[in-house]
Amino acid sequence: MNSSARAFWLRSPGHGELRDVTLTGPGEGEVLVRSLYSGVSRGTETLVFRGGVPESQHAVMRAPFQEGEFPGPVKYGYLNVGVVEQGPDGLIGRTVFCLYPHQTRYVVPVSAVTVVPERVPPARAVLAGTVETAVNALWDAAPLIGDRIAVIGGGMVGCSVAALLARFPGVRLQLVDADPARAKTAEALGVDFAAPEDALDGCDLVVHASATEQGLTRALELLAPEGTVLELSWYGDRRIALPLGEAFHSRRLTVRSSQVGTVSPRRSGRSYADRLALSLDLLADPALDALITGESAFEELPELLPKLASGEIPALCHRVRYGDNR
């Protein structure tokens, strides 16, 4: 059986379009999913939209169901929530999360979908991929009870990390951002907020997610001796400078990267499926709704992405609605 669908493609840097897709009915071990919502992760997806993925990272940056190649034409995205229309009996009618681009319907292997817990609203479940990044980051960082921690960068990833750290007992935690509007988001997450110049120092751990040179420099300044900066920012093709002279060596500071493409070596016994299932369970917390800062219809994507990329529409996660999911 053939079925029609529509997908969002980046035709060339800065220019998107909707394309018709013809689907073949699912075979053995596959499901047909009708999209309910997808999410635009403003940091990564707008970087892709601008054509900012360096050639050396084209293979690393591929999304699981990406079509085409960087810088374009390319079909890119990885935050999709839908309902199974065809497939194994146990999945038909179930709401699932999939690392799939923005498309109205799609066919994928059963192994590519994760059932969304009933206590998690489908509209919130689009955050699963970003919360998964935060889970992996905290597996890498291994914070301890009573730690003094700052999260620099109140974007989608930084706020997700802060939301999870807010559950740790005894920690002193601040979300640090140059935009005072992020104070409201921090409040909704139950986290203290500070401007960069007012942030508390003496930190055992600073999670950096601002994707700015100034933010990473400030992260080093806030550390206590022997402290660690966990770097979550993706700079694309930009080069940055750091003050690795001065007191960097005498204070024995550490800058460590974290990336969701592999499961943290600290949890080598866990699978990708385990990590995603945990992330969906964590989304039962309604406070995480604060990370969704806008919503548009799927048909608006070609006009929406340029506004997100330019900052005309400020956003953490911008949710895309399919059909009549109001």
Protein backbone atom coordinates (compact mmCIF):
# COMPACT_ATOMS: atom_id res chain seq x y z
CA MET A 1 0.00 0.00 0.00
CA ASN A 2 1.33 3.44 -0.93
CA SER A 3 0.58 6.50 1.17
CA SER A 4 1.39 10.17 0.77
CA ALA A 5 3.20 12.40 3.24
CA ARG A 6 4.95 15.75 3.35
CA ALA A 7 8.41 16.55 4.72
CA PHE A 8 10.42 19.68 5.48
CA TRP A 9 13.72 19.94 3.58
CA LEU A 10 16.53 22.46 3.74
CA ARG A 11 16.92 23.20 0.03
CA SER A 12 20.08 25.27 0.56
CA PRO A 13 21.46 27.21 3.53
CA GLY A 14 18.79 29.65 4.68
CA HIS A 15 16.04 28.28 2.43
CA GLY A 16 13.55 25.56 3.40
CA GLU A 17 10.63 23.97 1.61
CA LEU A 18 7.94 21.30 1.99
CA ARG A 19 8.20 18.28 -0.30
CA ASP A 20 5.74 15.50 -1.11
CA VAL A 21 6.78 11.99 -0.10
CA THR A 22 5.38 8.63 -1.22
CA LEU A 23 5.45 5.96 1.47
CA THR A 24 5.30 2.21 1.08
CA GLY A 25 3.30 0.39 3.73
CA PRO A 26 5.33 -1.07 6.60
CA GLY A 27 6.89 -4.48 6.16
CA GLU A 28 7.76 -7.09 8.73
CA GLY A 29 9.26 -5.43 11.81
CA GLU A 30 8.24 -1.91 10.76
CA VAL A 31 5.66 0.67 11.82
CA LEU A 32 3.82 3.48 10.06
CA VAL A 33 3.70 6.54 12.31
CA ARG A 34 1.48 9.61 11.93
CA SER A 35 3.20 12.66 13.42
CA LEU A 36 1.48 14.54 16.21
CA TYR A 37 4.31 16.92 17.13
CA SER A 38 7.95 17.53 16.35
CA GLY A 39 10.40 19.91 17.96
CA VAL A 40 12.95 22.37 16.57
CA SER A 41 16.05 22.38 18.74
CA ARG A 42 17.05 26.00 18.13
CA GLY A 43 20.79 25.56 18.64
CA THR A 44 21.61 22.59 16.41
CA GLU A 45 18.85 22.91 13.84
CA THR A 46 19.36 26.60 13.17
CA LEU A 47 23.10 25.95 12.80
CA VAL A 48 22.24 23.34 10.17
CA PHE A 49 19.77 25.77 8.59
CA ARG A 50 22.50 28.40 8.26
CA GLY A 51 24.87 25.88 6.67
CA GLY A 52 27.26 26.00 9.62
CA VAL A 53 28.18 22.29 9.86
CA PRO A 54 31.92 22.03 9.03
CA GLU A 55 32.81 19.52 6.33
CA SER A 56 34.90 17.51 8.78
CA GLN A 57 31.77 16.87 10.85
CA HIS A 58 29.30 15.99 8.10
CA ALA A 59 29.34 12.29 8.98
CA VAL A 60 29.30 12.85 12.75
CA MET A 61 26.37 15.25 12.58
CA ARG A 62 24.09 12.98 10.55
CA ALA A 63 20.70 12.44 12.19
CA PRO A 64 19.46 8.82 12.33
CA PHE A 65 16.90 9.24 9.51
CA GLN A 66 18.50 12.13 7.67
CA GLU A 67 18.20 12.22 3.90
CA GLY A 68 20.51 14.25 1.68
CA GLU A 69 23.82 15.77 2.65
CA PHE A 70 25.07 18.92 4.35
CA PRO A 71 24.90 21.76 3.58
CA GLY A 72 21.84 20.83 1.46
CA PRO A 73 19.51 19.70 0.18
CA VAL A 74 18.99 17.81 3.42
CA LYS A 75 16.07 16.53 5.50
CA TYR A 76 17.18 17.00 9.10
CA GLY A 77 15.60 16.73 12.54
CA TYR A 78 15.35 14.34 15.48
CA LEU A 79 12.46 15.22 17.80
CA ASN A 80 9.26 13.53 16.64
CA VAL A 81 6.23 12.25 18.52
CA GLY A 82 3.50 10.37 16.69
CA VAL A 83 0.92 7.61 16.88
CA VAL A 84 1.42 4.17 15.31
CA GLU A 85 -1.16 3.55 12.58
CA GLN A 86 0.17 0.25 11.23
CA GLY A 87 2.53 -2.36 12.64
CA PRO A 88 2.55 -5.01 15.35
CA ASP A 89 -0.75 -5.28 17.26
CA GLY A 90 0.87 -4.23 20.53
CA LEU A 91 1.93 -0.88 19.06
CA ILE A 92 -1.09 0.17 16.99
CA GLY A 93 -2.60 3.28 18.54
CA ARG A 94 0.35 3.83 20.89
CA THR A 95 2.10 7.19 21.14
CA VAL A 96 5.80 6.88 20.35
CA PHE A 97 8.93 9.01 20.21
CA CYS A 98 11.33 8.70 17.27
CA LEU A 99 14.52 10.46 16.17
CA TYR A 100 12.86 11.42 12.89
CA PRO A 101 12.85 14.71 10.93
CA HIS A 102 9.81 16.93 10.40
CA GLN A 103 7.42 14.81 8.31
CA THR A 104 3.69 14.17 8.50
CA ARG A 105 3.92 10.34 8.34
CA TYR A 106 6.85 7.93 8.10
CA VAL A 107 7.84 4.26 8.15
CA VAL A 108 10.66 3.09 10.44
CA PRO A 109 11.80 -0.15 12.09
CA VAL A 110 10.01 -1.04 15.33
CA SER A 111 13.36 -0.70 17.09
CA ALA A 112 13.48 3.01 16.18
CA VAL A 113 10.41 3.97 18.22
CA THR A 114 10.01 4.22 21.99
CA VAL A 115 6.58 4.14 23.59
CA VAL A 116 5.79 7.35 25.46
CA PRO A 117 4.61 6.64 29.05
CA GLU A 118 0.94 7.40 29.56
CA ARG A 119 1.74 9.97 32.25
CA VAL A 120 3.78 12.03 29.73
CA PRO A 121 1.70 14.25 27.40
CA PRO A 122 2.64 13.81 23.72
CA ALA A 123 3.12 17.57 23.40
CA ARG A 124 5.84 17.46 26.09
CA ALA A 125 7.45 14.28 24.79
CA VAL A 126 9.14 16.22 21.95
CA LEU A 127 11.71 17.20 24.60
CA ALA A 128 12.91 13.60 24.97
CA GLY A 129 15.94 14.00 22.71
CA THR A 130 17.18 17.06 24.57
CA VAL A 131 16.55 15.58 28.01
CA GLU A 132 18.51 12.56 26.76
CA THR A 133 21.44 14.90 26.04
CA ALA A 134 21.15 16.23 29.59
CA VAL A 135 21.06 12.72 31.05
CA ASN A 136 24.21 11.76 29.17
CA ALA A 137 25.90 15.00 30.26
CA LEU A 138 25.19 14.29 33.91
CA TRP A 139 26.43 10.73 33.52
CA ASP A 140 29.66 12.29 32.21
CA ALA A 141 29.80 15.00 34.88
CA ALA A 142 28.93 12.69 37.81
CA PRO A 143 27.88 15.49 40.20
CA LEU A 144 28.01 14.71 43.91
CA ILE A 145 25.71 15.57 46.79
CA GLY A 146 26.46 19.06 48.06
CA ASP A 147 28.32 20.20 44.94
CA ARG A 148 28.43 23.85 43.94
CA ILE A 149 27.29 23.94 40.33
CA ALA A 150 26.62 26.53 37.66
CA VAL A 151 24.98 25.94 34.29
CA ILE A 152 26.02 28.66 31.85
CA GLY A 153 23.67 29.08 28.90
CA GLY A 154 19.91 29.05 29.37
CA GLY A 155 19.12 27.46 26.03
CA MET A 156 17.29 24.19 25.51
CA VAL A 157 20.17 21.93 26.58
CA GLY A 158 21.35 24.12 29.46
CA CYS A 159 17.84 24.41 30.88
CA SER A 160 17.34 20.65 30.59
CA VAL A 161 20.55 20.04 32.54
CA ALA A 162 19.52 22.60 35.18
CA ALA A 163 16.08 21.02 35.51
CA LEU A 164 17.61 17.62 36.25
CA LEU A 165 20.26 19.03 38.60
CA ALA A 166 17.52 20.76 40.59
CA ARG A 167 16.55 17.28 41.83
CA PHE A 168 20.00 16.58 43.30
CA PRO A 169 20.12 16.88 47.10
CA GLY A 170 22.14 19.59 48.76
CA VAL A 171 23.56 21.24 45.65
CA ARG A 172 24.05 24.98 45.23
CA LEU A 173 22.82 25.53 41.69
CA GLN A 174 22.58 28.58 39.45
CA LEU A 175 21.45 28.97 35.87
CA VAL A 176 23.61 31.71 34.34
CA ASP A 177 22.62 33.63 31.22
CA ALA A 178 23.16 37.09 29.76
CA ASP A 179 19.45 37.31 28.85
CA PRO A 180 17.44 38.44 31.91
CA ALA A 181 14.32 36.89 30.35
CA ARG A 182 15.77 33.46 31.21
CA ALA A 183 15.14 34.24 34.88
CA LYS A 184 11.48 33.38 34.37
CA THR A 185 12.41 30.01 32.88
CA ALA A 186 14.76 29.32 35.78
CA GLU A 187 12.00 30.15 38.24
CA ALA A 188 9.63 27.72 36.51
CA LEU A 189 12.29 25.02 36.79
CA GLY A 190 12.92 25.75 40.47
CA VAL A 191 16.48 26.98 39.84
CA ASP A 192 18.27 30.15 41.01
CA PHE A 193 19.24 32.56 38.21
CA ALA A 194 22.20 34.91 37.82
CA ALA A 195 23.63 37.19 35.17
CA PRO A 196 27.23 36.24 34.25
CA GLU A 197 28.76 39.08 36.28
CA ASP A 198 26.73 38.10 39.36
CA ALA A 199 27.27 34.34 39.29
CA LEU A 200 28.70 32.68 42.39
CA ASP A 201 32.23 31.33 42.07
CA GLY A 202 33.90 28.44 43.88
CA CYS A 203 32.10 25.89 41.73
CA ASP A 204 33.05 22.23 41.74
CA LEU A 205 31.35 21.83 38.36
CA VAL A 206 30.29 24.24 35.63
CA VAL A 207 28.22 22.91 32.75
CA HIS A 208 28.74 25.19 29.76
CA ALA A 209 26.06 25.36 27.07
CA SER A 210 26.04 28.96 25.82
CA ALA A 211 28.07 28.26 22.65
CA THR A 212 29.98 31.50 23.20
CA GLU A 213 33.64 32.24 23.87
CA GLN A 214 32.63 34.60 26.66
CA GLY A 215 30.53 31.92 28.32
CA LEU A 216 33.32 29.35 28.32
CA THR A 217 35.79 31.90 29.67
CA ARG A 218 33.36 32.77 32.47
CA ALA A 219 32.93 29.05 33.20
CA LEU A 220 36.66 28.75 33.91
CA GLU A 221 36.54 31.82 36.14
CA LEU A 222 33.77 30.35 38.29
CA LEU A 223 35.61 27.13 39.10
CA ALA A 224 37.15 26.25 42.43
CA PRO A 225 40.63 24.71 42.31
CA GLU A 226 40.49 21.22 40.76
CA GLY A 227 37.07 22.09 39.29
CA THR A 228 35.69 20.88 35.97
CA VAL A 229 33.94 22.55 33.06
CA LEU A 230 31.74 20.12 31.15
CA GLU A 231 31.48 21.54 27.62
CA LEU A 232 28.15 20.86 25.90
CA SER A 233 28.24 23.65 23.32
CA TRP A 234 28.46 22.87 19.62
CA TYR A 235 30.36 25.62 17.82
CA GLY A 236 30.02 24.27 14.29
CA ASP A 237 32.65 25.88 12.07
CA ARG A 238 33.54 28.67 14.54
CA ARG A 239 36.91 28.87 16.33
CA ILE A 240 37.12 30.21 19.88
CA ALA A 241 39.96 31.41 22.12
CA LEU A 242 40.44 30.49 25.78
CA PRO A 243 42.64 31.90 28.59
CA LEU A 244 44.62 28.73 29.23
CA GLY A 245 47.51 30.74 30.62
CA GLU A 246 46.99 32.78 33.77
CA ALA A 247 45.87 30.46 36.62
CA PHE A 248 44.55 27.61 34.50
CA HIS A 249 47.44 25.26 35.32
CA SER A 250 48.13 26.34 38.89
CA ARG A 251 44.47 25.78 39.79
CA ARG A 252 44.53 22.41 37.99
CA LEU A 253 41.30 23.05 36.09
CA THR A 254 39.69 20.60 33.65
CA VAL A 255 37.68 21.21 30.48
CA ARG A 256 35.89 18.07 29.35
CA SER A 257 33.60 17.51 26.37
CA SER A 258 30.32 15.61 26.39
CA GLN A 259 28.36 14.46 23.37
CA VAL A 260 25.11 12.50 23.15
CA GLY A 261 26.24 10.47 20.11
CA THR A 262 27.74 7.83 22.42
CA VAL A 263 26.54 6.58 25.80
CA SER A 264 28.75 7.96 28.56
CA PRO A 265 31.65 5.61 29.37
CA ARG A 266 30.62 6.01 33.03
CA ARG A 267 27.45 4.07 32.14
CA SER A 268 28.89 1.64 29.62
CA GLY A 269 26.44 -1.02 30.74
CA ARG A 270 23.48 1.05 29.55
CA SER A 271 22.13 1.08 26.01
CA TYR A 272 20.80 3.95 23.90
CA ALA A 273 17.32 2.50 24.49
CA ASP A 274 17.85 2.56 28.26
CA ARG A 275 18.93 6.19 28.13
CA LEU A 276 15.97 7.29 26.02
CA ALA A 277 13.47 5.38 28.16
CA LEU A 278 14.86 7.11 31.26
CA SER A 279 14.57 10.49 29.54
CA LEU A 280 10.91 9.89 28.71
CA ASP A 281 10.20 8.87 32.30
CA LEU A 282 11.77 12.12 33.53
CA LEU A 283 9.38 14.07 31.30
CA ALA A 284 6.52 13.26 33.67
CA ASP A 285 7.56 16.48 35.46
CA PRO A 286 5.28 19.31 34.24
CA ALA A 287 7.95 21.89 35.10
CA LEU A 288 9.70 20.90 31.87
CA ASP A 289 6.88 22.53 29.90
CA ALA A 290 8.85 25.75 30.49
CA LEU A 291 11.32 24.58 27.82
CA ILE A 292 8.66 24.79 25.09
CA THR A 293 8.45 28.46 24.24
CA GLY A 294 6.37 28.50 21.05
CA GLU A 295 4.28 26.45 18.67
CA SER A 296 3.55 26.60 14.95
CA ALA A 297 1.81 24.45 12.37
CA PHE A 298 3.92 22.13 10.22
CA GLU A 299 2.97 24.11 7.11
CA GLU A 300 4.67 27.20 8.58
CA LEU A 301 8.15 25.63 8.81
CA PRO A 302 9.62 27.27 5.67
CA GLU A 303 8.78 30.71 7.10
CA LEU A 304 9.54 29.77 10.71
CA LEU A 305 13.14 28.50 10.43
CA PRO A 306 14.63 31.78 9.10
CA LYS A 307 13.03 33.64 12.02
CA LEU A 308 14.39 31.15 14.54
CA ALA A 309 17.85 31.25 12.93
CA SER A 310 17.98 35.06 12.99
CA GLY A 311 16.68 35.33 16.54
CA GLU A 312 13.57 37.19 15.43
CA ILE A 313 11.66 34.48 17.28
CA PRO A 314 13.48 33.76 20.56
CA ALA A 315 13.02 30.14 21.53
CA LEU A 316 14.23 27.20 23.54
CA CYS A 317 12.28 24.37 21.94
CA HIS A 318 9.79 25.45 19.31
CA ARG A 319 7.06 22.85 18.91
CA VAL A 320 5.63 21.94 15.50
CA ARG A 321 2.01 20.86 15.38
CA TYR A 322 0.59 18.44 12.81
CA GLY A 323 -3.08 18.34 11.88
CA ASP A 324 -5.56 19.50 14.52
CA ASN A 325 -3.49 18.82 17.67
CA ARG A 326 -4.52 21.99 19.47
